[in-house]
Amino acid sequence: MATHQALAAIGAAIKGLLAERYPRAEFDALTVDLVQYRDIEKGLAGEGFGILLWRVAINTQRRARGARTDVMGNRFRPSLPVDLSFLVIPYSANAEKHLRMLGWAMRALEDAGTLTATQLNHYLAESNVFAPDENVEMVCDPLSVGDHLSMWDRMRKHPPIGANYLVRMALIDSTQTIETYPAVIEREFQAGVSADG
């Protein structure tokens, strides 16, 4: 299960995947960055991809999880299941190139599918955010009309056109242990003894 750096590791993995794989012969030098709303509001200059984490939600399908037990038998509070929505935004002054970039990115992310622990741990300074047997599923999740309208309303000057990807069930582990004590077998009562002796 993942440490609290999981969100940063997932964003960095998506960024790294796009930066390493885009076809240089077709797109020259592209910039690939994690962005925030304020970056889009200012306008993304040049050509490249902006990756915007715009929604984080608790996965309600698996909310009631049991305690986590490590290999040593220690018990911890349940992992927190999180869904992340990333908007992948190509930007270019040329409309046709924008469409080519969007088409390529959608195909590349669809081909990537599940992000493995190796990919997720590769792009951060910490190399042990995800356990070796962990992975996260990433699927294209089209925005609803309401989400489109609220996003465009928020960024009227530079409304983003891109593809939304949902990362499902990223489990963030707790480091808080659950202490267990032996069952009470016998209880002693001292009836008739006064408080002062």
N, C-alpha and C. Protein backbone atom coordinates (compact mmCIF):
# COMPACT_ATOMS: atom_id res chain seq x y z
N MET A 1 0.83 -1.18 0.00
CA MET A 1 0.00 0.00 0.00
C MET A 1 0.88 1.24 0.00
N ALA A 2 0.35 2.36 -0.40
CA ALA A 2 1.14 3.55 -0.66
C ALA A 2 1.24 4.47 0.54
N THR A 3 2.33 5.21 0.59
CA THR A 3 2.52 6.22 1.61
C THR A 3 1.78 7.49 1.20
N HIS A 4 1.85 8.52 2.05
CA HIS A 4 1.11 9.75 1.76
C HIS A 4 1.63 10.48 0.51
N GLN A 5 2.78 10.09 -0.02
CA GLN A 5 3.30 10.70 -1.24
C GLN A 5 2.65 10.13 -2.51
N ALA A 6 1.64 9.27 -2.35
CA ALA A 6 1.04 8.57 -3.48
C ALA A 6 0.50 9.52 -4.55
N LEU A 7 -0.18 10.59 -4.14
CA LEU A 7 -0.76 11.51 -5.12
C LEU A 7 0.32 12.15 -5.98
N ALA A 8 1.41 12.57 -5.32
CA ALA A 8 2.53 13.17 -6.07
C ALA A 8 3.17 12.14 -7.00
N ALA A 9 3.28 10.91 -6.55
CA ALA A 9 3.90 9.86 -7.37
C ALA A 9 3.05 9.55 -8.60
N ILE A 10 1.73 9.54 -8.44
CA ILE A 10 0.84 9.27 -9.58
C ILE A 10 0.93 10.40 -10.60
N GLY A 11 0.87 11.64 -10.13
CA GLY A 11 1.01 12.78 -11.05
C GLY A 11 2.34 12.76 -11.78
N ALA A 12 3.42 12.47 -11.06
CA ALA A 12 4.75 12.43 -11.67
C ALA A 12 4.85 11.30 -12.68
N ALA A 13 4.18 10.17 -12.42
CA ALA A 13 4.22 9.04 -13.35
C ALA A 13 3.50 9.38 -14.66
N ILE A 14 2.36 10.05 -14.57
CA ILE A 14 1.63 10.46 -15.78
C ILE A 14 2.48 11.45 -16.57
N LYS A 15 3.07 12.41 -15.87
CA LYS A 15 3.95 13.39 -16.51
C LYS A 15 5.12 12.69 -17.19
N GLY A 16 5.77 11.78 -16.49
CA GLY A 16 6.93 11.08 -17.04
C GLY A 16 6.56 10.23 -18.24
N LEU A 17 5.42 9.57 -18.17
CA LEU A 17 4.97 8.73 -19.29
C LEU A 17 4.80 9.56 -20.56
N LEU A 18 4.15 10.71 -20.44
CA LEU A 18 3.94 11.57 -21.62
C LEU A 18 5.26 12.18 -22.10
N ALA A 19 6.09 12.63 -21.17
CA ALA A 19 7.35 13.29 -21.54
C ALA A 19 8.32 12.34 -22.24
N GLU A 20 8.35 11.09 -21.80
CA GLU A 20 9.30 10.14 -22.37
C GLU A 20 8.83 9.53 -23.69
N ARG A 21 7.51 9.46 -23.88
CA ARG A 21 7.00 8.68 -25.02
C ARG A 21 6.50 9.51 -26.20
N TYR A 22 6.36 10.83 -26.06
CA TYR A 22 5.77 11.54 -27.20
C TYR A 22 6.69 11.45 -28.42
N PRO A 23 6.12 11.35 -29.63
CA PRO A 23 6.93 11.17 -30.85
C PRO A 23 7.69 12.44 -31.22
N ARG A 24 9.00 12.42 -31.01
CA ARG A 24 9.84 13.60 -31.28
C ARG A 24 9.82 14.02 -32.75
N ALA A 25 9.71 13.06 -33.64
CA ALA A 25 9.73 13.38 -35.07
C ALA A 25 8.51 14.21 -35.47
N GLU A 26 7.38 14.01 -34.79
CA GLU A 26 6.16 14.73 -35.14
C GLU A 26 5.99 16.02 -34.34
N PHE A 27 6.43 16.03 -33.08
CA PHE A 27 6.09 17.15 -32.19
C PHE A 27 7.27 17.99 -31.72
N ASP A 28 8.45 17.82 -32.26
CA ASP A 28 9.63 18.60 -31.85
C ASP A 28 9.79 18.52 -30.32
N ALA A 29 10.01 19.67 -29.69
CA ALA A 29 10.24 19.70 -28.23
C ALA A 29 8.97 20.19 -27.54
N LEU A 30 8.36 19.32 -26.75
CA LEU A 30 7.16 19.68 -25.99
C LEU A 30 7.50 19.78 -24.51
N THR A 31 6.80 20.67 -23.83
CA THR A 31 6.91 20.78 -22.38
C THR A 31 5.80 19.95 -21.76
N VAL A 32 6.12 19.18 -20.75
CA VAL A 32 5.11 18.41 -20.03
C VAL A 32 5.25 18.77 -18.55
N ASP A 33 4.18 19.33 -17.97
CA ASP A 33 4.25 19.79 -16.58
C ASP A 33 2.96 19.49 -15.83
N LEU A 34 3.10 19.30 -14.53
CA LEU A 34 1.93 19.31 -13.65
C LEU A 34 1.56 20.77 -13.46
N VAL A 35 0.28 21.10 -13.62
CA VAL A 35 -0.16 22.49 -13.54
C VAL A 35 -1.27 22.63 -12.51
N GLN A 36 -1.53 23.89 -12.14
CA GLN A 36 -2.64 24.23 -11.26
C GLN A 36 -3.56 25.17 -12.01
N TYR A 37 -4.73 25.44 -11.41
CA TYR A 37 -5.70 26.32 -12.06
C TYR A 37 -5.07 27.66 -12.44
N ARG A 38 -4.27 28.22 -11.54
CA ARG A 38 -3.71 29.55 -11.81
C ARG A 38 -2.80 29.55 -13.04
N ASP A 39 -2.12 28.42 -13.31
CA ASP A 39 -1.27 28.33 -14.50
C ASP A 39 -2.11 28.39 -15.77
N ILE A 40 -3.26 27.73 -15.74
CA ILE A 40 -4.15 27.74 -16.91
C ILE A 40 -4.78 29.11 -17.08
N GLU A 41 -5.14 29.75 -15.96
CA GLU A 41 -5.74 31.09 -16.03
C GLU A 41 -4.78 32.10 -16.64
N LYS A 42 -3.47 31.94 -16.35
CA LYS A 42 -2.46 32.84 -16.94
C LYS A 42 -2.25 32.52 -18.42
N GLY A 43 -2.52 31.30 -18.82
CA GLY A 43 -2.29 30.85 -20.19
C GLY A 43 -1.02 30.04 -20.27
N LEU A 44 -1.11 28.86 -20.87
CA LEU A 44 0.05 27.99 -21.03
C LEU A 44 0.76 28.37 -22.32
N ALA A 45 1.99 28.83 -22.19
CA ALA A 45 2.73 29.34 -23.36
C ALA A 45 3.54 28.22 -24.00
N GLY A 46 3.74 28.35 -25.33
CA GLY A 46 4.54 27.38 -26.06
C GLY A 46 3.69 26.19 -26.49
N GLU A 47 4.30 25.04 -26.50
CA GLU A 47 3.61 23.81 -26.87
C GLU A 47 3.93 22.71 -25.87
N GLY A 48 2.92 21.97 -25.51
CA GLY A 48 3.16 20.88 -24.58
C GLY A 48 1.87 20.36 -23.98
N PHE A 49 2.02 19.72 -22.82
CA PHE A 49 0.89 19.16 -22.09
C PHE A 49 0.89 19.69 -20.66
N GLY A 50 -0.26 20.09 -20.20
CA GLY A 50 -0.46 20.42 -18.80
C GLY A 50 -1.28 19.31 -18.17
N ILE A 51 -0.89 18.86 -17.00
CA ILE A 51 -1.61 17.80 -16.29
C ILE A 51 -2.17 18.41 -15.01
N LEU A 52 -3.49 18.53 -14.97
CA LEU A 52 -4.17 19.21 -13.88
C LEU A 52 -4.92 18.21 -13.01
N LEU A 53 -4.54 18.10 -11.74
CA LEU A 53 -5.34 17.33 -10.78
C LEU A 53 -6.46 18.26 -10.34
N TRP A 54 -7.67 17.98 -10.76
CA TRP A 54 -8.76 18.92 -10.51
C TRP A 54 -9.81 18.38 -9.55
N ARG A 55 -9.77 17.07 -9.27
CA ARG A 55 -10.73 16.55 -8.30
C ARG A 55 -10.12 15.36 -7.56
N VAL A 56 -10.32 15.35 -6.26
CA VAL A 56 -9.90 14.24 -5.40
C VAL A 56 -11.14 13.82 -4.61
N ALA A 57 -11.44 12.52 -4.63
CA ALA A 57 -12.63 12.04 -3.92
C ALA A 57 -12.30 10.72 -3.21
N ILE A 58 -12.99 10.49 -2.12
CA ILE A 58 -12.87 9.21 -1.43
C ILE A 58 -13.70 8.19 -2.19
N ASN A 59 -13.13 7.04 -2.49
CA ASN A 59 -13.85 5.98 -3.17
C ASN A 59 -14.85 5.37 -2.20
N THR A 60 -16.13 5.55 -2.48
CA THR A 60 -17.17 5.10 -1.56
C THR A 60 -17.50 3.62 -1.71
N GLN A 61 -17.08 3.01 -2.79
CA GLN A 61 -17.37 1.58 -2.98
C GLN A 61 -16.61 0.71 -2.00
N ARG A 62 -15.43 1.14 -1.60
CA ARG A 62 -14.61 0.35 -0.68
C ARG A 62 -14.26 1.17 0.57
N ARG A 63 -15.18 2.01 1.04
CA ARG A 63 -14.90 2.92 2.15
C ARG A 63 -14.70 2.18 3.47
N ALA A 64 -15.51 1.15 3.72
CA ALA A 64 -15.43 0.43 4.99
C ALA A 64 -14.41 -0.70 4.86
N ARG A 65 -13.16 -0.34 4.96
CA ARG A 65 -12.08 -1.33 4.84
C ARG A 65 -11.65 -1.78 6.23
N GLY A 66 -11.15 -2.99 6.30
CA GLY A 66 -10.66 -3.51 7.57
C GLY A 66 -9.27 -2.98 7.87
N ALA A 67 -8.80 -3.29 9.05
CA ALA A 67 -7.45 -2.87 9.45
C ALA A 67 -6.41 -3.50 8.52
N ARG A 68 -5.30 -2.78 8.33
CA ARG A 68 -4.20 -3.29 7.50
C ARG A 68 -3.19 -3.98 8.41
N THR A 69 -2.70 -5.12 7.97
CA THR A 69 -1.70 -5.87 8.72
C THR A 69 -0.44 -5.99 7.87
N ASP A 70 0.72 -5.63 8.45
CA ASP A 70 1.96 -5.76 7.68
C ASP A 70 2.55 -7.16 7.85
N VAL A 71 3.68 -7.41 7.21
CA VAL A 71 4.28 -8.75 7.22
C VAL A 71 4.75 -9.17 8.61
N MET A 72 4.95 -8.21 9.50
CA MET A 72 5.38 -8.51 10.87
C MET A 72 4.19 -8.76 11.81
N GLY A 73 2.99 -8.65 11.27
CA GLY A 73 1.79 -8.87 12.08
C GLY A 73 1.28 -7.63 12.78
N ASN A 74 1.91 -6.47 12.55
CA ASN A 74 1.45 -5.21 13.15
C ASN A 74 0.17 -4.76 12.45
N ARG A 75 -0.78 -4.27 13.22
CA ARG A 75 -2.05 -3.82 12.66
C ARG A 75 -2.08 -2.29 12.63
N PHE A 76 -2.61 -1.74 11.52
CA PHE A 76 -2.70 -0.30 11.33
C PHE A 76 -4.13 0.08 10.98
N ARG A 77 -4.43 1.36 11.18
CA ARG A 77 -5.74 1.87 10.79
C ARG A 77 -5.96 1.60 9.30
N PRO A 78 -7.22 1.46 8.86
CA PRO A 78 -7.49 1.12 7.46
C PRO A 78 -6.90 2.13 6.47
N SER A 79 -6.52 1.63 5.29
CA SER A 79 -6.03 2.50 4.22
C SER A 79 -7.17 3.37 3.70
N LEU A 80 -6.82 4.55 3.21
CA LEU A 80 -7.80 5.50 2.68
C LEU A 80 -7.88 5.33 1.16
N PRO A 81 -9.02 4.88 0.60
CA PRO A 81 -9.14 4.69 -0.85
C PRO A 81 -9.50 6.01 -1.54
N VAL A 82 -8.65 6.45 -2.46
CA VAL A 82 -8.82 7.76 -3.09
C VAL A 82 -8.93 7.61 -4.60
N ASP A 83 -9.86 8.37 -5.20
CA ASP A 83 -9.98 8.48 -6.66
C ASP A 83 -9.47 9.85 -7.08
N LEU A 84 -8.65 9.90 -8.11
CA LEU A 84 -8.06 11.15 -8.58
C LEU A 84 -8.47 11.41 -10.02
N SER A 85 -8.91 12.63 -10.30
CA SER A 85 -9.26 13.02 -11.67
C SER A 85 -8.21 13.98 -12.22
N PHE A 86 -7.53 13.55 -13.26
CA PHE A 86 -6.50 14.36 -13.92
C PHE A 86 -7.01 14.78 -15.30
N LEU A 87 -6.90 16.06 -15.60
CA LEU A 87 -7.22 16.56 -16.93
C LEU A 87 -5.91 16.75 -17.67
N VAL A 88 -5.76 16.03 -18.78
CA VAL A 88 -4.56 16.14 -19.62
C VAL A 88 -4.87 17.14 -20.72
N ILE A 89 -4.16 18.27 -20.69
CA ILE A 89 -4.47 19.41 -21.57
C ILE A 89 -3.32 19.65 -22.53
N PRO A 90 -3.50 19.34 -23.82
CA PRO A 90 -2.48 19.74 -24.79
C PRO A 90 -2.66 21.23 -25.11
N TYR A 91 -1.56 21.91 -25.35
CA TYR A 91 -1.68 23.32 -25.74
C TYR A 91 -0.69 23.63 -26.85
N SER A 92 -1.20 24.36 -27.84
CA SER A 92 -0.42 24.76 -29.01
C SER A 92 -1.14 25.92 -29.68
N ALA A 93 -0.39 26.78 -30.32
CA ALA A 93 -1.01 27.89 -31.06
C ALA A 93 -1.69 27.39 -32.33
N ASN A 94 -1.30 26.20 -32.80
CA ASN A 94 -1.85 25.63 -34.02
C ASN A 94 -2.96 24.64 -33.67
N ALA A 95 -4.17 24.87 -34.19
CA ALA A 95 -5.33 24.04 -33.84
C ALA A 95 -5.15 22.59 -34.28
N GLU A 96 -4.60 22.39 -35.48
CA GLU A 96 -4.42 21.01 -35.95
C GLU A 96 -3.41 20.26 -35.08
N LYS A 97 -2.32 20.95 -34.72
CA LYS A 97 -1.32 20.32 -33.87
C LYS A 97 -1.91 19.99 -32.50
N HIS A 98 -2.76 20.87 -31.98
CA HIS A 98 -3.45 20.62 -30.71
C HIS A 98 -4.23 19.31 -30.79
N LEU A 99 -4.95 19.11 -31.90
CA LEU A 99 -5.74 17.88 -32.06
C LEU A 99 -4.84 16.65 -32.20
N ARG A 100 -3.75 16.79 -32.94
CA ARG A 100 -2.80 15.68 -33.08
C ARG A 100 -2.23 15.28 -31.71
N MET A 101 -1.86 16.29 -30.93
CA MET A 101 -1.30 16.03 -29.60
C MET A 101 -2.33 15.35 -28.69
N LEU A 102 -3.57 15.82 -28.73
CA LEU A 102 -4.62 15.23 -27.91
C LEU A 102 -4.85 13.78 -28.31
N GLY A 103 -4.92 13.51 -29.61
CA GLY A 103 -5.12 12.14 -30.09
C GLY A 103 -3.99 11.23 -29.66
N TRP A 104 -2.75 11.72 -29.79
CA TRP A 104 -1.61 10.90 -29.38
C TRP A 104 -1.65 10.62 -27.88
N ALA A 105 -1.92 11.65 -27.06
CA ALA A 105 -1.92 11.48 -25.60
C ALA A 105 -3.00 10.50 -25.17
N MET A 106 -4.18 10.58 -25.76
CA MET A 106 -5.25 9.66 -25.39
C MET A 106 -4.89 8.22 -25.72
N ARG A 107 -4.27 8.03 -26.89
CA ARG A 107 -3.86 6.67 -27.28
C ARG A 107 -2.75 6.15 -26.35
N ALA A 108 -1.78 7.01 -26.02
CA ALA A 108 -0.67 6.61 -25.17
C ALA A 108 -1.14 6.26 -23.77
N LEU A 109 -2.06 7.03 -23.21
CA LEU A 109 -2.56 6.76 -21.86
C LEU A 109 -3.46 5.52 -21.84
N GLU A 110 -4.19 5.30 -22.92
CA GLU A 110 -5.00 4.08 -23.03
C GLU A 110 -4.09 2.86 -23.10
N ASP A 111 -3.00 2.98 -23.86
CA ASP A 111 -2.04 1.87 -23.96
C ASP A 111 -1.37 1.60 -22.62
N ALA A 112 -1.12 2.65 -21.85
CA ALA A 112 -0.46 2.48 -20.55
C ALA A 112 -1.38 1.75 -19.57
N GLY A 113 -2.68 2.09 -19.58
CA GLY A 113 -3.65 1.39 -18.74
C GLY A 113 -3.31 1.45 -17.26
N THR A 114 -2.84 0.34 -16.74
CA THR A 114 -2.51 0.22 -15.33
C THR A 114 -1.08 0.70 -15.10
N LEU A 115 -0.89 1.56 -14.10
CA LEU A 115 0.45 2.03 -13.75
C LEU A 115 1.00 1.11 -12.66
N THR A 116 2.15 0.51 -12.93
CA THR A 116 2.76 -0.43 -11.99
C THR A 116 3.56 0.31 -10.92
N ALA A 117 3.93 -0.41 -9.87
CA ALA A 117 4.73 0.19 -8.80
C ALA A 117 6.06 0.70 -9.32
N THR A 118 6.65 -0.01 -10.27
CA THR A 118 7.92 0.43 -10.85
C THR A 118 7.77 1.79 -11.51
N GLN A 119 6.70 1.98 -12.28
CA GLN A 119 6.45 3.27 -12.92
C GLN A 119 6.13 4.34 -11.88
N LEU A 120 5.31 4.00 -10.91
CA LEU A 120 4.89 4.97 -9.90
C LEU A 120 6.03 5.42 -9.00
N ASN A 121 7.00 4.55 -8.74
CA ASN A 121 8.12 4.89 -7.86
C ASN A 121 9.30 5.51 -8.60
N HIS A 122 9.24 5.54 -9.90
CA HIS A 122 10.40 5.94 -10.71
C HIS A 122 10.66 7.46 -10.73
N TYR A 123 9.64 8.27 -10.61
CA TYR A 123 9.77 9.70 -10.90
C TYR A 123 9.90 10.61 -9.68
N LEU A 124 9.79 10.08 -8.47
CA LEU A 124 9.97 10.89 -7.27
C LEU A 124 11.32 10.56 -6.63
N ALA A 125 11.77 11.44 -5.74
CA ALA A 125 13.02 11.17 -5.01
C ALA A 125 12.85 9.93 -4.13
N GLU A 126 11.65 9.75 -3.55
CA GLU A 126 11.39 8.55 -2.75
C GLU A 126 11.10 7.39 -3.71
N SER A 127 11.77 6.27 -3.49
CA SER A 127 11.59 5.14 -4.40
C SER A 127 10.74 4.02 -3.80
N ASN A 128 10.13 4.28 -2.65
CA ASN A 128 9.35 3.24 -1.99
C ASN A 128 7.94 3.70 -1.63
N VAL A 129 7.38 4.58 -2.44
CA VAL A 129 6.04 5.09 -2.16
C VAL A 129 5.01 3.97 -2.30
N PHE A 130 5.14 3.17 -3.36
CA PHE A 130 4.25 2.04 -3.60
C PHE A 130 5.02 0.74 -3.38
N ALA A 131 4.36 -0.24 -2.78
CA ALA A 131 4.96 -1.56 -2.58
C ALA A 131 5.12 -2.23 -3.95
N PRO A 132 6.09 -3.16 -4.09
CA PRO A 132 6.36 -3.78 -5.39
C PRO A 132 5.16 -4.45 -6.06
N ASP A 133 4.21 -4.94 -5.27
CA ASP A 133 3.06 -5.64 -5.86
C ASP A 133 1.86 -4.73 -6.09
N GLU A 134 2.02 -3.43 -5.89
CA GLU A 134 0.90 -2.49 -6.05
C GLU A 134 0.83 -1.92 -7.45
N ASN A 135 -0.35 -1.48 -7.83
CA ASN A 135 -0.54 -0.73 -9.08
C ASN A 135 -1.82 0.08 -8.93
N VAL A 136 -2.02 1.02 -9.85
CA VAL A 136 -3.27 1.79 -9.88
C VAL A 136 -3.82 1.75 -11.30
N GLU A 137 -5.13 1.71 -11.38
CA GLU A 137 -5.81 1.66 -12.67
C GLU A 137 -6.12 3.09 -13.12
N MET A 138 -5.83 3.37 -14.39
CA MET A 138 -6.11 4.69 -14.95
C MET A 138 -7.00 4.51 -16.18
N VAL A 139 -8.18 5.15 -16.17
CA VAL A 139 -9.12 5.02 -17.28
C VAL A 139 -9.59 6.40 -17.73
N CYS A 140 -9.89 6.49 -19.02
CA CYS A 140 -10.46 7.73 -19.55
C CYS A 140 -11.89 7.84 -19.01
N ASP A 141 -12.20 8.99 -18.45
CA ASP A 141 -13.49 9.21 -17.82
C ASP A 141 -14.03 10.55 -18.31
N PRO A 142 -14.83 10.55 -19.40
CA PRO A 142 -15.29 11.81 -19.98
C PRO A 142 -16.00 12.69 -18.95
N LEU A 143 -15.72 13.98 -19.04
CA LEU A 143 -16.36 14.94 -18.13
C LEU A 143 -17.84 15.09 -18.46
N SER A 144 -18.63 15.25 -17.42
CA SER A 144 -20.05 15.53 -17.63
C SER A 144 -20.19 16.97 -18.13
N VAL A 145 -21.35 17.29 -18.68
CA VAL A 145 -21.60 18.66 -19.15
C VAL A 145 -21.48 19.64 -17.98
N GLY A 146 -21.99 19.26 -16.83
CA GLY A 146 -21.90 20.13 -15.64
C GLY A 146 -20.46 20.41 -15.25
N ASP A 147 -19.60 19.39 -15.29
CA ASP A 147 -18.18 19.58 -14.97
C ASP A 147 -17.51 20.49 -15.99
N HIS A 148 -17.84 20.27 -17.27
CA HIS A 148 -17.29 21.14 -18.32
C HIS A 148 -17.67 22.59 -18.07
N LEU A 149 -18.95 22.82 -17.82
CA LEU A 149 -19.43 24.19 -17.64
C LEU A 149 -18.82 24.85 -16.42
N SER A 150 -18.70 24.11 -15.31
CA SER A 150 -18.12 24.72 -14.11
C SER A 150 -16.63 25.01 -14.31
N MET A 151 -15.94 24.14 -15.05
CA MET A 151 -14.52 24.38 -15.31
C MET A 151 -14.34 25.59 -16.23
N TRP A 152 -15.16 25.66 -17.27
CA TRP A 152 -15.07 26.79 -18.19
C TRP A 152 -15.45 28.09 -17.48
N ASP A 153 -16.43 28.02 -16.58
CA ASP A 153 -16.84 29.21 -15.84
C ASP A 153 -15.70 29.69 -14.95
N ARG A 154 -14.95 28.77 -14.42
CA ARG A 154 -13.85 29.12 -13.54
C ARG A 154 -12.66 29.70 -14.30
N MET A 155 -12.50 29.26 -15.54
CA MET A 155 -11.35 29.71 -16.34
C MET A 155 -11.84 30.26 -17.67
N ARG A 156 -12.58 31.33 -17.60
CA ARG A 156 -13.19 31.91 -18.81
C ARG A 156 -12.16 32.38 -19.82
N LYS A 157 -11.03 32.88 -19.34
CA LYS A 157 -10.03 33.44 -20.24
C LYS A 157 -9.35 32.37 -21.08
N HIS A 158 -9.02 31.23 -20.46
CA HIS A 158 -8.33 30.14 -21.16
C HIS A 158 -8.99 28.81 -20.80
N PRO A 159 -10.20 28.54 -21.34
CA PRO A 159 -10.86 27.28 -20.99
C PRO A 159 -10.07 26.08 -21.53
N PRO A 160 -9.79 25.10 -20.68
CA PRO A 160 -8.97 23.97 -21.13
C PRO A 160 -9.78 22.97 -21.96
N ILE A 161 -9.16 22.49 -23.02
CA ILE A 161 -9.73 21.40 -23.82
C ILE A 161 -8.76 20.24 -23.71
N GLY A 162 -9.22 19.17 -23.11
CA GLY A 162 -8.35 18.02 -22.93
C GLY A 162 -9.15 16.77 -22.64
N ALA A 163 -8.47 15.77 -22.14
CA ALA A 163 -9.11 14.49 -21.81
C ALA A 163 -8.96 14.24 -20.32
N ASN A 164 -10.04 13.76 -19.70
CA ASN A 164 -10.04 13.49 -18.27
C ASN A 164 -9.72 12.02 -18.01
N TYR A 165 -8.80 11.79 -17.07
CA TYR A 165 -8.43 10.43 -16.70
C TYR A 165 -8.66 10.23 -15.21
N LEU A 166 -9.29 9.11 -14.89
CA LEU A 166 -9.59 8.79 -13.51
C LEU A 166 -8.64 7.70 -13.03
N VAL A 167 -7.96 7.98 -11.93
CA VAL A 167 -7.13 6.97 -11.27
C VAL A 167 -7.94 6.46 -10.09
N ARG A 168 -8.27 5.17 -10.13
CA ARG A 168 -9.18 4.60 -9.15
C ARG A 168 -8.46 3.86 -8.03
N MET A 169 -8.97 4.03 -6.83
CA MET A 169 -8.56 3.23 -5.67
C MET A 169 -7.07 3.30 -5.35
N ALA A 170 -6.53 4.50 -5.32
CA ALA A 170 -5.17 4.65 -4.79
C ALA A 170 -5.30 4.57 -3.28
N LEU A 171 -4.64 3.59 -2.68
CA LEU A 171 -4.78 3.37 -1.23
C LEU A 171 -3.65 4.08 -0.49
N ILE A 172 -4.03 5.02 0.37
CA ILE A 172 -3.04 5.73 1.18
C ILE A 172 -3.05 5.10 2.57
N ASP A 173 -1.92 4.57 2.94
CA ASP A 173 -1.82 3.83 4.20
C ASP A 173 -1.66 4.75 5.40
N SER A 174 -2.12 4.26 6.53
CA SER A 174 -1.94 4.94 7.80
C SER A 174 -0.71 4.35 8.50
N THR A 175 -0.01 5.20 9.23
CA THR A 175 1.11 4.72 10.05
C THR A 175 0.70 4.59 11.51
N GLN A 176 -0.56 4.87 11.81
CA GLN A 176 -1.06 4.78 13.17
C GLN A 176 -1.43 3.33 13.48
N THR A 177 -0.75 2.75 14.47
CA THR A 177 -0.97 1.35 14.80
C THR A 177 -2.24 1.18 15.63
N ILE A 178 -2.78 -0.02 15.56
CA ILE A 178 -3.91 -0.41 16.40
C ILE A 178 -3.35 -1.36 17.44
N GLU A 179 -3.39 -0.92 18.67
CA GLU A 179 -2.85 -1.74 19.75
C GLU A 179 -3.88 -2.78 20.17
N THR A 180 -3.43 -3.98 20.41
CA THR A 180 -4.31 -5.03 20.89
C THR A 180 -3.84 -5.48 22.27
N TYR A 181 -4.79 -5.74 23.12
CA TYR A 181 -4.50 -6.14 24.49
C TYR A 181 -5.18 -7.47 24.76
N PRO A 182 -4.63 -8.26 25.70
CA PRO A 182 -5.27 -9.55 25.99
C PRO A 182 -6.66 -9.34 26.58
N ALA A 183 -7.51 -10.33 26.36
CA ALA A 183 -8.88 -10.26 26.88
C ALA A 183 -8.86 -10.26 28.40
N VAL A 184 -9.82 -9.55 29.00
CA VAL A 184 -9.95 -9.52 30.46
C VAL A 184 -10.58 -10.84 30.90
N ILE A 185 -9.89 -11.56 31.76
CA ILE A 185 -10.38 -12.86 32.22
C ILE A 185 -10.94 -12.75 33.65
N GLU A 186 -10.31 -11.91 34.45
CA GLU A 186 -10.66 -11.83 35.85
C GLU A 186 -10.66 -10.37 36.29
N ARG A 187 -11.60 -10.00 37.11
CA ARG A 187 -11.67 -8.63 37.61
C ARG A 187 -11.82 -8.67 39.12
N GLU A 188 -11.08 -7.83 39.82
CA GLU A 188 -11.16 -7.81 41.29
C GLU A 188 -11.93 -6.58 41.74
N PHE A 189 -12.85 -6.78 42.68
CA PHE A 189 -13.59 -5.68 43.28
C PHE A 189 -13.24 -5.61 44.75
N GLN A 190 -13.08 -4.43 45.26
CA GLN A 190 -12.76 -4.26 46.69
C GLN A 190 -13.98 -3.59 47.35
N ALA A 191 -14.95 -4.38 47.68
CA ALA A 191 -16.16 -3.86 48.30
C ALA A 191 -15.94 -3.59 49.77
N GLY A 192 -16.47 -2.50 50.27
CA GLY A 192 -16.41 -2.18 51.68
C GLY A 192 -15.15 -1.49 52.12
N VAL A 193 -14.24 -1.17 51.24
CA VAL A 193 -13.02 -0.47 51.61
C VAL A 193 -13.23 1.01 51.38
N SER A 194 -12.98 1.84 52.41
CA SER A 194 -13.20 3.27 52.27
C SER A 194 -12.07 3.90 51.48
N ALA A 195 -12.33 5.09 50.96
CA ALA A 195 -11.36 5.78 50.13
C ALA A 195 -10.14 6.22 50.94
N ASP A 196 -10.29 6.48 52.25
CA ASP A 196 -9.15 6.97 53.05
C ASP A 196 -8.44 5.84 53.78
N GLY A 197 -8.72 4.64 53.48
CA GLY A 197 -7.94 3.57 54.04
C GLY A 197 -8.69 2.68 54.94
